Amino acid sequence: MKEYYVYILSSQKNGTLYVGSTGDLVRRVWEHKNKVIPGFTAEYNVNLLVYYEMHELYVEAARREKRFKNWCRKWKLNLIEEFNPTWRDLYQEICS
């Protein structure tokens, strides 16, 4: 069964945030880290994976992404703090 993800990237602890969704989290984060696609994350060096969640349906991940994008910054920071209190880059964990 295919899995879909919604994720949050950061430039650093409490830094610039980016919310996205994808069907291939490892590939997509790699693209952000290597600035493959020009845009916001490349320009502002937003490439630390600090939060992610899995969904069974694409529509669920897309709906959650849209919800996150409507959240105020404080709510996103609180979510990250609960999920990943040290703000470690989770990319290596998802690659294993």
C-alpha atoms as a PDB file:
ATOM      1  CA  MET A   1       0.000   0.000   0.000  1.00  0.00           C
ATOM      2  CA  LYS A   2       1.312   3.444  -0.923  1.00  0.00           C
ATOM      3  CA  GLU A   3       1.996   5.886   1.890  1.00  0.00           C
ATOM      4  CA  TYR A   4       1.691   9.663   1.779  1.00  0.00           C
ATOM      5  CA  TYR A   5       3.320  12.158   4.067  1.00  0.00           C
ATOM      6  CA  VAL A   6       2.859  15.667   5.329  1.00  0.00           C
ATOM      7  CA  TYR A   7       6.052  17.209   6.653  1.00  0.00           C
ATOM      8  CA  ILE A   8       7.563  20.336   8.143  1.00  0.00           C
ATOM      9  CA  LEU A   9      11.053  21.557   7.318  1.00  0.00           C
ATOM     10  CA  SER A  10      12.958  24.241   9.186  1.00  0.00           C
ATOM     11  CA  SER A  11      16.071  26.302   8.529  1.00  0.00           C
ATOM     12  CA  GLN A  12      17.147  25.885  12.169  1.00  0.00           C
ATOM     13  CA  LYS A  13      15.581  25.640  15.624  1.00  0.00           C
ATOM     14  CA  ASN A  14      12.699  28.129  15.690  1.00  0.00           C
ATOM     15  CA  GLY A  15      13.720  29.221  12.193  1.00  0.00           C
ATOM     16  CA  THR A  16      11.880  29.580   8.905  1.00  0.00           C
ATOM     17  CA  LEU A  17       9.278  26.832   8.394  1.00  0.00           C
ATOM     18  CA  TYR A  18       7.952  25.077   5.300  1.00  0.00           C
ATOM     19  CA  VAL A  19       5.000  22.660   5.139  1.00  0.00           C
ATOM     20  CA  GLY A  20       4.615  20.156   2.292  1.00  0.00           C
ATOM     21  CA  SER A  21       3.168  16.792   1.341  1.00  0.00           C
ATOM     22  CA  THR A  22       4.519  13.992  -0.826  1.00  0.00           C
ATOM     23  CA  GLY A  23       4.268  10.333  -1.737  1.00  0.00           C
ATOM     24  CA  ASP A  24       8.042   9.828  -1.365  1.00  0.00           C
ATOM     25  CA  LEU A  25       9.372  11.553   1.741  1.00  0.00           C
ATOM     26  CA  VAL A  26      13.008  10.466   1.370  1.00  0.00           C
ATOM     27  CA  ARG A  27      13.226  11.707  -2.223  1.00  0.00           C
ATOM     28  CA  ARG A  28      11.412  14.961  -1.507  1.00  0.00           C
ATOM     29  CA  VAL A  29      13.553  15.887   1.507  1.00  0.00           C
ATOM     30  CA  TRP A  30      16.674  14.995  -0.499  1.00  0.00           C
ATOM     31  CA  GLU A  31      15.483  17.418  -3.192  1.00  0.00           C
ATOM     32  CA  HIS A  32      15.061  20.167  -0.573  1.00  0.00           C
ATOM     33  CA  LYS A  33      18.490  19.463   0.942  1.00  0.00           C
ATOM     34  CA  ASN A  34      20.198  19.531  -2.462  1.00  0.00           C
ATOM     35  CA  LYS A  35      18.230  22.554  -3.728  1.00  0.00           C
ATOM     36  CA  VAL A  36      17.141  20.597  -6.809  1.00  0.00           C
ATOM     37  CA  ILE A  37      14.009  22.692  -7.272  1.00  0.00           C
ATOM     38  CA  PRO A  38      14.470  26.471  -7.056  1.00  0.00           C
ATOM     39  CA  GLY A  39      12.079  28.269  -4.757  1.00  0.00           C
ATOM     40  CA  PHE A  40      11.345  29.128  -1.160  1.00  0.00           C
ATOM     41  CA  THR A  41      13.226  26.287   0.562  1.00  0.00           C
ATOM     42  CA  ALA A  42      16.314  26.721  -1.620  1.00  0.00           C
ATOM     43  CA  GLU A  43      16.331  30.502  -1.206  1.00  0.00           C
ATOM     44  CA  TYR A  44      15.942  30.416   2.584  1.00  0.00           C
ATOM     45  CA  ASN A  45      17.989  27.229   3.209  1.00  0.00           C
ATOM     46  CA  VAL A  46      15.022  25.372   4.733  1.00  0.00           C
ATOM     47  CA  ASN A  47      16.077  21.726   4.698  1.00  0.00           C
ATOM     48  CA  LEU A  48      15.906  20.191   8.190  1.00  0.00           C
ATOM     49  CA  LEU A  49      13.113  17.623   8.485  1.00  0.00           C
ATOM     50  CA  VAL A  50      11.699  18.366  11.948  1.00  0.00           C
ATOM     51  CA  TYR A  51       8.226  16.797  11.694  1.00  0.00           C
ATOM     52  CA  TYR A  52       6.339  14.319   9.526  1.00  0.00           C
ATOM     53  CA  GLU A  53       3.293  12.111   9.650  1.00  0.00           C
ATOM     54  CA  MET A  54       2.089   9.301   7.413  1.00  0.00           C
ATOM     55  CA  HIS A  55      -1.333   8.930   5.781  1.00  0.00           C
ATOM     56  CA  GLU A  56      -2.862   6.086   3.779  1.00  0.00           C
ATOM     57  CA  LEU A  57      -4.584   8.354   1.262  1.00  0.00           C
ATOM     58  CA  TYR A  58      -3.171  11.278  -0.680  1.00  0.00           C
ATOM     59  CA  VAL A  59      -6.302  13.317   0.010  1.00  0.00           C
ATOM     60  CA  GLU A  60      -5.703  12.929   3.776  1.00  0.00           C
ATOM     61  CA  ALA A  61      -2.108  14.172   3.513  1.00  0.00           C
ATOM     62  CA  ALA A  62      -3.128  17.069   1.256  1.00  0.00           C
ATOM     63  CA  ARG A  63      -5.950  18.048   3.620  1.00  0.00           C
ATOM     64  CA  ARG A  64      -3.579  17.956   6.609  1.00  0.00           C
ATOM     65  CA  GLU A  65      -0.994  20.025   4.704  1.00  0.00           C
ATOM     66  CA  LYS A  66      -3.615  22.661   3.945  1.00  0.00           C
ATOM     67  CA  ARG A  67      -4.680  22.666   7.601  1.00  0.00           C
ATOM     68  CA  PHE A  68      -1.066  23.130   8.758  1.00  0.00           C
ATOM     69  CA  LYS A  69      -0.565  26.001   6.329  1.00  0.00           C
ATOM     70  CA  ASN A  70      -3.526  27.763   7.939  1.00  0.00           C
ATOM     71  CA  TRP A  71      -2.119  27.315  11.449  1.00  0.00           C
ATOM     72  CA  CYS A  72      -0.360  30.211  13.121  1.00  0.00           C
ATOM     73  CA  ARG A  73       3.393  29.850  13.559  1.00  0.00           C
ATOM     74  CA  LYS A  74       3.093  29.282  17.323  1.00  0.00           C
ATOM     75  CA  TRP A  75       0.915  26.195  16.809  1.00  0.00           C
ATOM     76  CA  LYS A  76       3.423  24.737  14.328  1.00  0.00           C
ATOM     77  CA  LEU A  77       6.300  25.385  16.732  1.00  0.00           C
ATOM     78  CA  ASN A  78       4.361  23.699  19.557  1.00  0.00           C
ATOM     79  CA  LEU A  79       3.675  20.661  17.347  1.00  0.00           C
ATOM     80  CA  ILE A  80       7.365  20.363  16.473  1.00  0.00           C
ATOM     81  CA  GLU A  81       8.401  20.771  20.128  1.00  0.00           C
ATOM     82  CA  GLU A  82       6.066  17.926  21.153  1.00  0.00           C
ATOM     83  CA  PHE A  83       7.142  15.605  18.320  1.00  0.00           C
ATOM     84  CA  ASN A  84      10.832  16.517  18.160  1.00  0.00           C
ATOM     85  CA  PRO A  85      11.892  18.515  21.254  1.00  0.00           C
ATOM     86  CA  THR A  86      15.575  18.637  20.272  1.00  0.00           C
ATOM     87  CA  TRP A  87      14.800  19.788  16.707  1.00  0.00           C
ATOM     88  CA  ARG A  88      17.073  17.052  15.330  1.00  0.00           C
ATOM     89  CA  ASP A  89      17.061  16.458  11.575  1.00  0.00           C
ATOM     90  CA  LEU A  90      14.893  13.362  11.065  1.00  0.00           C
ATOM     91  CA  TYR A  91      16.155  12.741   7.510  1.00  0.00           C
ATOM     92  CA  GLN A  92      18.696  10.061   8.516  1.00  0.00           C
ATOM     93  CA  GLU A  93      16.012   8.218  10.474  1.00  0.00           C
ATOM     94  CA  ILE A  94      13.675   7.985   7.477  1.00  0.00           C
ATOM     95  CA  CYS A  95      16.527   6.831   5.220  1.00  0.00           C
ATOM     96  CA  SER A  96      17.226   3.771   7.392  1.00  0.00           C
END
